[in-house]
Amino acid sequence: MSTPEEYTAALERLQQRFNEVWTQHQRMLLALENARDVVHRTHCQTSNYYGRFPPHCWKECEEAMDAMLEAGWMPLDVKVQP
């Protein structure tokens, strides 16, 4: 049987690893969000399309958004239903 000290040490190691993984996850989400913004700025200029995205950009933007959603990102404008 393990002692309380061993349980405490194991929980501390688990918490530390969780924090490391969470930080990596947050960095990945930030990188994906930045990538989406780069796509918008570099490939999806709206000036020639009357304020709308050009047709070829929708697929790139949707793919970036899908990757972000799969990674756990949630848009701020989404309302969660109770």
PDB file of N, CA and C in Angstrom:
ATOM      1  N   MET A   1       0.829  -1.179   0.000  1.00  0.00           N
ATOM      2  CA  MET A   1       0.000   0.000   0.000  1.00  0.00           C
ATOM      3  C   MET A   1       0.876   1.245   0.000  1.00  0.00           C
ATOM      4  N   SER A   2       0.376   2.248  -0.606  1.00  0.00           N
ATOM      5  CA  SER A   2       1.104   3.509  -0.675  1.00  0.00           C
ATOM      6  C   SER A   2       0.788   4.372   0.535  1.00  0.00           C
ATOM      7  N   THR A   3       1.740   5.203   0.851  1.00  0.00           N
ATOM      8  CA  THR A   3       1.556   6.114   1.980  1.00  0.00           C
ATOM      9  C   THR A   3       0.899   7.399   1.482  1.00  0.00           C
ATOM     10  N   PRO A   4       0.330   8.185   2.396  1.00  0.00           N
ATOM     11  CA  PRO A   4      -0.260   9.464   1.992  1.00  0.00           C
ATOM     12  C   PRO A   4       0.747  10.375   1.281  1.00  0.00           C
ATOM     13  N   GLU A   5       2.006  10.304   1.703  1.00  0.00           N
ATOM     14  CA  GLU A   5       3.032  11.130   1.065  1.00  0.00           C
ATOM     15  C   GLU A   5       3.241  10.717  -0.392  1.00  0.00           C
ATOM     16  N   GLU A   6       3.179   9.409  -0.646  1.00  0.00           N
ATOM     17  CA  GLU A   6       3.343   8.924  -2.021  1.00  0.00           C
ATOM     18  C   GLU A   6       2.158   9.352  -2.888  1.00  0.00           C
ATOM     19  N   TYR A   7       0.953   9.291  -2.318  1.00  0.00           N
ATOM     20  CA  TYR A   7      -0.226   9.765  -3.045  1.00  0.00           C
ATOM     21  C   TYR A   7      -0.104  11.253  -3.357  1.00  0.00           C
ATOM     22  N   THR A   8       0.333  12.012  -2.364  1.00  0.00           N
ATOM     23  CA  THR A   8       0.497  13.453  -2.548  1.00  0.00           C
ATOM     24  C   THR A   8       1.522  13.745  -3.637  1.00  0.00           C
ATOM     25  N   ALA A   9       2.634  13.038  -3.613  1.00  0.00           N
ATOM     26  CA  ALA A   9       3.674  13.239  -4.627  1.00  0.00           C
ATOM     27  C   ALA A   9       3.154  12.853  -6.011  1.00  0.00           C
ATOM     28  N   ALA A  10       2.408  11.756  -6.083  1.00  0.00           N
ATOM     29  CA  ALA A  10       1.854  11.325  -7.373  1.00  0.00           C
ATOM     30  C   ALA A  10       0.851  12.343  -7.896  1.00  0.00           C
ATOM     31  N   LEU A  11       0.013  12.880  -7.021  1.00  0.00           N
ATOM     32  CA  LEU A  11      -0.952  13.902  -7.436  1.00  0.00           C
ATOM     33  C   LEU A  11      -0.249  15.172  -7.903  1.00  0.00           C
ATOM     34  N   GLU A  12       0.815  15.552  -7.227  1.00  0.00           N
ATOM     35  CA  GLU A  12       1.572  16.733  -7.639  1.00  0.00           C
ATOM     36  C   GLU A  12       2.195  16.527  -9.015  1.00  0.00           C
ATOM     37  N   ARG A  13       2.739  15.322  -9.264  1.00  0.00           N
ATOM     38  CA  ARG A  13       3.307  15.027 -10.587  1.00  0.00           C
ATOM     39  C   ARG A  13       2.221  15.051 -11.657  1.00  0.00           C
ATOM     40  N   LEU A  14       1.067  14.495 -11.337  1.00  0.00           N
ATOM     41  CA  LEU A  14      -0.050  14.489 -12.278  1.00  0.00           C
ATOM     42  C   LEU A  14      -0.516  15.910 -12.578  1.00  0.00           C
ATOM     43  N   GLN A  15      -0.622  16.741 -11.549  1.00  0.00           N
ATOM     44  CA  GLN A  15      -1.030  18.132 -11.744  1.00  0.00           C
ATOM     45  C   GLN A  15      -0.011  18.884 -12.590  1.00  0.00           C
ATOM     46  N   GLN A  16       1.266  18.649 -12.338  1.00  0.00           N
ATOM     47  CA  GLN A  16       2.311  19.311 -13.115  1.00  0.00           C
ATOM     48  C   GLN A  16       2.226  18.899 -14.581  1.00  0.00           C
ATOM     49  N   ARG A  17       2.037  17.611 -14.833  1.00  0.00           N
ATOM     50  CA  ARG A  17       1.940  17.129 -16.220  1.00  0.00           C
ATOM     51  C   ARG A  17       0.694  17.685 -16.897  1.00  0.00           C
ATOM     52  N   PHE A  18      -0.415  17.731 -16.159  1.00  0.00           N
ATOM     53  CA  PHE A  18      -1.634  18.314 -16.707  1.00  0.00           C
ATOM     54  C   PHE A  18      -1.397  19.763 -17.098  1.00  0.00           C
ATOM     55  N   ASN A  19      -0.746  20.532 -16.227  1.00  0.00           N
ATOM     56  CA  ASN A  19      -0.462  21.937 -16.521  1.00  0.00           C
ATOM     57  C   ASN A  19       0.418  22.076 -17.757  1.00  0.00           C
ATOM     58  N   GLU A  20       1.397  21.194 -17.913  1.00  0.00           N
ATOM     59  CA  GLU A  20       2.264  21.235 -19.095  1.00  0.00           C
ATOM     60  C   GLU A  20       1.464  20.963 -20.366  1.00  0.00           C
ATOM     61  N   VAL A  21       0.628  19.935 -20.325  1.00  0.00           N
ATOM     62  CA  VAL A  21      -0.181  19.586 -21.501  1.00  0.00           C
ATOM     63  C   VAL A  21      -1.175  20.699 -21.809  1.00  0.00           C
ATOM     64  N   TRP A  22      -1.786  21.269 -20.774  1.00  0.00           N
ATOM     65  CA  TRP A  22      -2.745  22.358 -20.972  1.00  0.00           C
ATOM     66  C   TRP A  22      -2.058  23.558 -21.620  1.00  0.00           C
ATOM     67  N   THR A  23      -0.864  23.883 -21.160  1.00  0.00           N
ATOM     68  CA  THR A  23      -0.119  24.998 -21.748  1.00  0.00           C
ATOM     69  C   THR A  23       0.200  24.724 -23.210  1.00  0.00           C
ATOM     70  N   GLN A  24       0.614  23.510 -23.526  1.00  0.00           N
ATOM     71  CA  GLN A  24       0.883  23.147 -24.920  1.00  0.00           C
ATOM     72  C   GLN A  24      -0.384  23.265 -25.758  1.00  0.00           C
ATOM     73  N   HIS A  25      -1.492  22.820 -25.216  1.00  0.00           N
ATOM     74  CA  HIS A  25      -2.773  22.893 -25.911  1.00  0.00           C
ATOM     75  C   HIS A  25      -3.138  24.347 -26.195  1.00  0.00           C
ATOM     76  N   GLN A  26      -2.993  25.214 -25.209  1.00  0.00           N
ATOM     77  CA  GLN A  26      -3.318  26.625 -25.392  1.00  0.00           C
ATOM     78  C   GLN A  26      -2.410  27.268 -26.437  1.00  0.00           C
ATOM     79  N   ARG A  27      -1.134  26.899 -26.438  1.00  0.00           N
ATOM     80  CA  ARG A  27      -0.212  27.428 -27.450  1.00  0.00           C
ATOM     81  C   ARG A  27      -0.604  26.961 -28.843  1.00  0.00           C
ATOM     82  N   MET A  28      -1.037  25.699 -28.957  1.00  0.00           N
ATOM     83  CA  MET A  28      -1.462  25.177 -30.247  1.00  0.00           C
ATOM     84  C   MET A  28      -2.701  25.924 -30.738  1.00  0.00           C
ATOM     85  N   LEU A  29      -3.650  26.166 -29.846  1.00  0.00           N
ATOM     86  CA  LEU A  29      -4.842  26.908 -30.237  1.00  0.00           C
ATOM     87  C   LEU A  29      -4.487  28.318 -30.688  1.00  0.00           C
ATOM     88  N   LEU A  30      -3.585  28.955 -29.975  1.00  0.00           N
ATOM     89  CA  LEU A  30      -3.156  30.295 -30.358  1.00  0.00           C
ATOM     90  C   LEU A  30      -2.484  30.272 -31.724  1.00  0.00           C
ATOM     91  N   ALA A  31      -1.651  29.270 -31.967  1.00  0.00           N
ATOM     92  CA  ALA A  31      -0.993  29.149 -33.269  1.00  0.00           C
ATOM     93  C   ALA A  31      -2.013  28.945 -34.381  1.00  0.00           C
ATOM     94  N   LEU A  32      -3.025  28.124 -34.134  1.00  0.00           N
ATOM     95  CA  LEU A  32      -4.062  27.909 -35.142  1.00  0.00           C
ATOM     96  C   LEU A  32      -4.863  29.179 -35.393  1.00  0.00           C
ATOM     97  N   GLU A  33      -5.168  29.900 -34.330  1.00  0.00           N
ATOM     98  CA  GLU A  33      -5.912  31.142 -34.490  1.00  0.00           C
ATOM     99  C   GLU A  33      -5.081  32.163 -35.265  1.00  0.00           C
ATOM    100  N   ASN A  34      -3.793  32.233 -34.954  1.00  0.00           N
ATOM    101  CA  ASN A  34      -2.912  33.133 -35.694  1.00  0.00           C
ATOM    102  C   ASN A  34      -2.814  32.724 -37.159  1.00  0.00           C
ATOM    103  N   ALA A  35      -2.767  31.417 -37.419  1.00  0.00           N
ATOM    104  CA  ALA A  35      -2.714  30.935 -38.804  1.00  0.00           C
ATOM    105  C   ALA A  35      -3.972  31.343 -39.551  1.00  0.00           C
ATOM    106  N   ARG A  36      -5.104  31.228 -38.898  1.00  0.00           N
ATOM    107  CA  ARG A  36      -6.356  31.648 -39.534  1.00  0.00           C
ATOM    108  C   ARG A  36      -6.309  33.136 -39.869  1.00  0.00           C
ATOM    109  N   ASP A  37      -5.808  33.940 -38.935  1.00  0.00           N
ATOM    110  CA  ASP A  37      -5.714  35.376 -39.176  1.00  0.00           C
ATOM    111  C   ASP A  37      -4.770  35.688 -40.331  1.00  0.00           C
ATOM    112  N   VAL A  38      -3.673  34.942 -40.432  1.00  0.00           N
ATOM    113  CA  VAL A  38      -2.735  35.143 -41.539  1.00  0.00           C
ATOM    114  C   VAL A  38      -3.413  34.832 -42.861  1.00  0.00           C
ATOM    115  N   VAL A  39      -4.180  33.750 -42.894  1.00  0.00           N
ATOM    116  CA  VAL A  39      -4.915  33.407 -44.119  1.00  0.00           C
ATOM    117  C   VAL A  39      -5.834  34.554 -44.497  1.00  0.00           C
ATOM    118  N   HIS A  40      -6.549  35.083 -43.541  1.00  0.00           N
ATOM    119  CA  HIS A  40      -7.464  36.188 -43.820  1.00  0.00           C
ATOM    120  C   HIS A  40      -6.723  37.409 -44.356  1.00  0.00           C
ATOM    121  N   ARG A  41      -5.605  37.746 -43.727  1.00  0.00           N
ATOM    122  CA  ARG A  41      -4.890  38.963 -44.127  1.00  0.00           C
ATOM    123  C   ARG A  41      -4.166  38.822 -45.455  1.00  0.00           C
ATOM    124  N   THR A  42      -3.605  37.651 -45.723  1.00  0.00           N
ATOM    125  CA  THR A  42      -2.759  37.522 -46.907  1.00  0.00           C
ATOM    126  C   THR A  42      -3.485  37.016 -48.137  1.00  0.00           C
ATOM    127  N   HIS A  43      -4.477  36.159 -47.934  1.00  0.00           N
ATOM    128  CA  HIS A  43      -5.137  35.559 -49.085  1.00  0.00           C
ATOM    129  C   HIS A  43      -6.569  36.014 -49.268  1.00  0.00           C
ATOM    130  N   CYS A  44      -7.114  36.649 -48.290  1.00  0.00           N
ATOM    131  CA  CYS A  44      -8.543  36.945 -48.332  1.00  0.00           C
ATOM    132  C   CYS A  44      -8.793  38.445 -48.234  1.00  0.00           C
ATOM    133  N   GLN A  45      -8.103  39.200 -49.035  1.00  0.00           N
ATOM    134  CA  GLN A  45      -8.330  40.641 -49.052  1.00  0.00           C
ATOM    135  C   GLN A  45      -9.723  40.924 -49.602  1.00  0.00           C
ATOM    136  N   THR A  46     -10.464  41.763 -48.911  1.00  0.00           N
ATOM    137  CA  THR A  46     -11.855  42.002 -49.295  1.00  0.00           C
ATOM    138  C   THR A  46     -12.035  43.280 -50.104  1.00  0.00           C
ATOM    139  N   SER A  47     -10.986  44.051 -50.303  1.00  0.00           N
ATOM    140  CA  SER A  47     -11.145  45.354 -50.948  1.00  0.00           C
ATOM    141  C   SER A  47     -11.703  45.252 -52.364  1.00  0.00           C
ATOM    142  N   ASN A  48     -11.352  44.204 -53.094  1.00  0.00           N
ATOM    143  CA  ASN A  48     -11.835  44.058 -54.466  1.00  0.00           C
ATOM    144  C   ASN A  48     -13.158  43.309 -54.548  1.00  0.00           C
ATOM    145  N   TYR A  49     -13.693  42.905 -53.411  1.00  0.00           N
ATOM    146  CA  TYR A  49     -14.910  42.083 -53.413  1.00  0.00           C
ATOM    147  C   TYR A  49     -16.026  42.738 -52.603  1.00  0.00           C
ATOM    148  N   TYR A  50     -16.018  44.045 -52.516  1.00  0.00           N
ATOM    149  CA  TYR A  50     -17.080  44.799 -51.856  1.00  0.00           C
ATOM    150  C   TYR A  50     -17.314  44.345 -50.414  1.00  0.00           C
ATOM    151  N   GLY A  51     -16.221  44.161 -49.682  1.00  0.00           N
ATOM    152  CA  GLY A  51     -16.314  43.805 -48.275  1.00  0.00           C
ATOM    153  C   GLY A  51     -16.609  42.346 -47.992  1.00  0.00           C
ATOM    154  N   ARG A  52     -16.628  41.514 -49.024  1.00  0.00           N
ATOM    155  CA  ARG A  52     -16.882  40.083 -48.835  1.00  0.00           C
ATOM    156  C   ARG A  52     -15.625  39.319 -49.197  1.00  0.00           C
ATOM    157  N   PHE A  53     -15.508  38.106 -48.651  1.00  0.00           N
ATOM    158  CA  PHE A  53     -14.353  37.284 -48.984  1.00  0.00           C
ATOM    159  C   PHE A  53     -14.450  36.792 -50.418  1.00  0.00           C
ATOM    160  N   PRO A  54     -13.314  36.758 -51.129  1.00  0.00           N
ATOM    161  CA  PRO A  54     -13.319  36.157 -52.463  1.00  0.00           C
ATOM    162  C   PRO A  54     -13.625  34.666 -52.351  1.00  0.00           C
ATOM    163  N   PRO A  55     -14.246  34.102 -53.379  1.00  0.00           N
ATOM    164  CA  PRO A  55     -14.675  32.699 -53.313  1.00  0.00           C
ATOM    165  C   PRO A  55     -13.555  31.718 -52.966  1.00  0.00           C
ATOM    166  N   HIS A  56     -12.335  31.936 -53.474  1.00  0.00           N
ATOM    167  CA  HIS A  56     -11.259  30.967 -53.225  1.00  0.00           C
ATOM    168  C   HIS A  56     -10.811  30.948 -51.768  1.00  0.00           C
ATOM    169  N   CYS A  57     -11.195  31.939 -50.984  1.00  0.00           N
ATOM    170  CA  CYS A  57     -10.760  32.001 -49.588  1.00  0.00           C
ATOM    171  C   CYS A  57     -11.641  31.198 -48.652  1.00  0.00           C
ATOM    172  N   TRP A  58     -12.861  30.956 -49.044  1.00  0.00           N
ATOM    173  CA  TRP A  58     -13.766  30.282 -48.122  1.00  0.00           C
ATOM    174  C   TRP A  58     -13.246  28.915 -47.731  1.00  0.00           C
ATOM    175  N   LYS A  59     -12.726  28.158 -48.682  1.00  0.00           N
ATOM    176  CA  LYS A  59     -12.232  26.811 -48.373  1.00  0.00           C
ATOM    177  C   LYS A  59     -11.053  26.886 -47.399  1.00  0.00           C
ATOM    178  N   GLU A  60     -10.098  27.794 -47.637  1.00  0.00           N
ATOM    179  CA  GLU A  60      -8.954  27.933 -46.739  1.00  0.00           C
ATOM    180  C   GLU A  60      -9.399  28.337 -45.337  1.00  0.00           C
ATOM    181  N   CYS A  61     -10.319  29.271 -45.263  1.00  0.00           N
ATOM    182  CA  CYS A  61     -10.787  29.744 -43.964  1.00  0.00           C
ATOM    183  C   CYS A  61     -11.574  28.657 -43.237  1.00  0.00           C
ATOM    184  N   GLU A  62     -12.391  27.914 -43.975  1.00  0.00           N
ATOM    185  CA  GLU A  62     -13.146  26.826 -43.352  1.00  0.00           C
ATOM    186  C   GLU A  62     -12.212  25.737 -42.836  1.00  0.00           C
ATOM    187  N   GLU A  63     -11.157  25.424 -43.588  1.00  0.00           N
ATOM    188  CA  GLU A  63     -10.205  24.404 -43.142  1.00  0.00           C
ATOM    189  C   GLU A  63      -9.484  24.849 -41.875  1.00  0.00           C
ATOM    190  N   ALA A  64      -9.094  26.120 -41.819  1.00  0.00           N
ATOM    191  CA  ALA A  64      -8.441  26.638 -40.616  1.00  0.00           C
ATOM    192  C   ALA A  64      -9.400  26.590 -39.427  1.00  0.00           C
ATOM    193  N   MET A  65     -10.652  26.964 -39.666  1.00  0.00           N
ATOM    194  CA  MET A  65     -11.643  26.937 -38.594  1.00  0.00           C
ATOM    195  C   MET A  65     -11.903  25.505 -38.129  1.00  0.00           C
ATOM    196  N   ASP A  66     -12.003  24.567 -39.055  1.00  0.00           N
ATOM    197  CA  ASP A  66     -12.208  23.160 -38.688  1.00  0.00           C
ATOM    198  C   ASP A  66     -11.064  22.652 -37.814  1.00  0.00           C
ATOM    199  N   ALA A  67      -9.830  22.995 -38.185  1.00  0.00           N
ATOM    200  CA  ALA A  67      -8.673  22.560 -37.394  1.00  0.00           C
ATOM    201  C   ALA A  67      -8.735  23.140 -35.986  1.00  0.00           C
ATOM    202  N   MET A  68      -9.149  24.395 -35.881  1.00  0.00           N
ATOM    203  CA  MET A  68      -9.246  25.025 -34.567  1.00  0.00           C
ATOM    204  C   MET A  68     -10.339  24.375 -33.722  1.00  0.00           C
ATOM    205  N   LEU A  69     -11.481  24.084 -34.347  1.00  0.00           N
ATOM    206  CA  LEU A  69     -12.576  23.459 -33.608  1.00  0.00           C
ATOM    207  C   LEU A  69     -12.197  22.059 -33.144  1.00  0.00           C
ATOM    208  N   GLU A  70     -11.508  21.309 -34.006  1.00  0.00           N
ATOM    209  CA  GLU A  70     -11.067  19.971 -33.628  1.00  0.00           C
ATOM    210  C   GLU A  70     -10.079  20.014 -32.465  1.00  0.00           C
ATOM    211  N   ALA A  71      -9.324  21.109 -32.375  1.00  0.00           N
ATOM    212  CA  ALA A  71      -8.350  21.252 -31.293  1.00  0.00           C
ATOM    213  C   ALA A  71      -8.991  21.751 -30.001  1.00  0.00           C
ATOM    214  N   GLY A  72     -10.281  22.072 -30.051  1.00  0.00           N
ATOM    215  CA  GLY A  72     -10.972  22.471 -28.835  1.00  0.00           C
ATOM    216  C   GLY A  72     -11.289  23.945 -28.717  1.00  0.00           C
ATOM    217  N   TRP A  73     -10.998  24.727 -29.742  1.00  0.00           N
ATOM    218  CA  TRP A  73     -11.285  26.159 -29.708  1.00  0.00           C
ATOM    219  C   TRP A  73     -12.777  26.370 -29.855  1.00  0.00           C
ATOM    220  N   MET A  74     -13.309  27.354 -29.155  1.00  0.00           N
ATOM    221  CA  MET A  74     -14.720  27.686 -29.310  1.00  0.00           C
ATOM    222  C   MET A  74     -14.837  29.176 -29.585  1.00  0.00           C
ATOM    223  N   PRO A  75     -15.544  29.540 -30.642  1.00  0.00           N
ATOM    224  CA  PRO A  75     -15.715  30.965 -30.944  1.00  0.00           C
ATOM    225  C   PRO A  75     -16.402  31.681 -29.785  1.00  0.00           C
ATOM    226  N   LEU A  76     -16.029  32.924 -29.565  1.00  0.00           N
ATOM    227  CA  LEU A  76     -16.600  33.681 -28.460  1.00  0.00           C
ATOM    228  C   LEU A  76     -18.062  34.018 -28.686  1.00  0.00           C
ATOM    229  N   ASP A  77     -18.494  34.058 -29.949  1.00  0.00           N
ATOM    230  CA  ASP A  77     -19.872  34.444 -30.229  1.00  0.00           C
ATOM    231  C   ASP A  77     -20.853  33.276 -30.167  1.00  0.00           C
ATOM    232  N   VAL A  78     -20.380  32.092 -29.812  1.00  0.00           N
ATOM    233  CA  VAL A  78     -21.261  30.930 -29.691  1.00  0.00           C
ATOM    234  C   VAL A  78     -21.946  30.977 -28.332  1.00  0.00           C
ATOM    235  N   LYS A  79     -23.234  30.864 -28.337  1.00  0.00           N
ATOM    236  CA  LYS A  79     -24.006  30.841 -27.099  1.00  0.00           C
ATOM    237  C   LYS A  79     -24.273  29.386 -26.726  1.00  0.00           C
ATOM    238  N   VAL A  80     -23.920  29.010 -25.519  1.00  0.00           N
ATOM    239  CA  VAL A  80     -24.153  27.651 -25.042  1.00  0.00           C
ATOM    240  C   VAL A  80     -25.573  27.576 -24.501  1.00  0.00           C
ATOM    241  N   GLN A  81     -26.332  26.633 -25.017  1.00  0.00           N
ATOM    242  CA  GLN A  81     -27.716  26.455 -24.575  1.00  0.00           C
ATOM    243  C   GLN A  81     -27.743  25.707 -23.246  1.00  0.00           C
ATOM    244  N   PRO A  82     -28.533  26.179 -22.271  1.00  0.00           N
ATOM    245  CA  PRO A  82     -28.619  25.473 -20.976  1.00  0.00           C
ATOM    246  C   PRO A  82     -29.371  24.157 -21.103  1.00  0.00           C
TER     247      PRO A  82
END
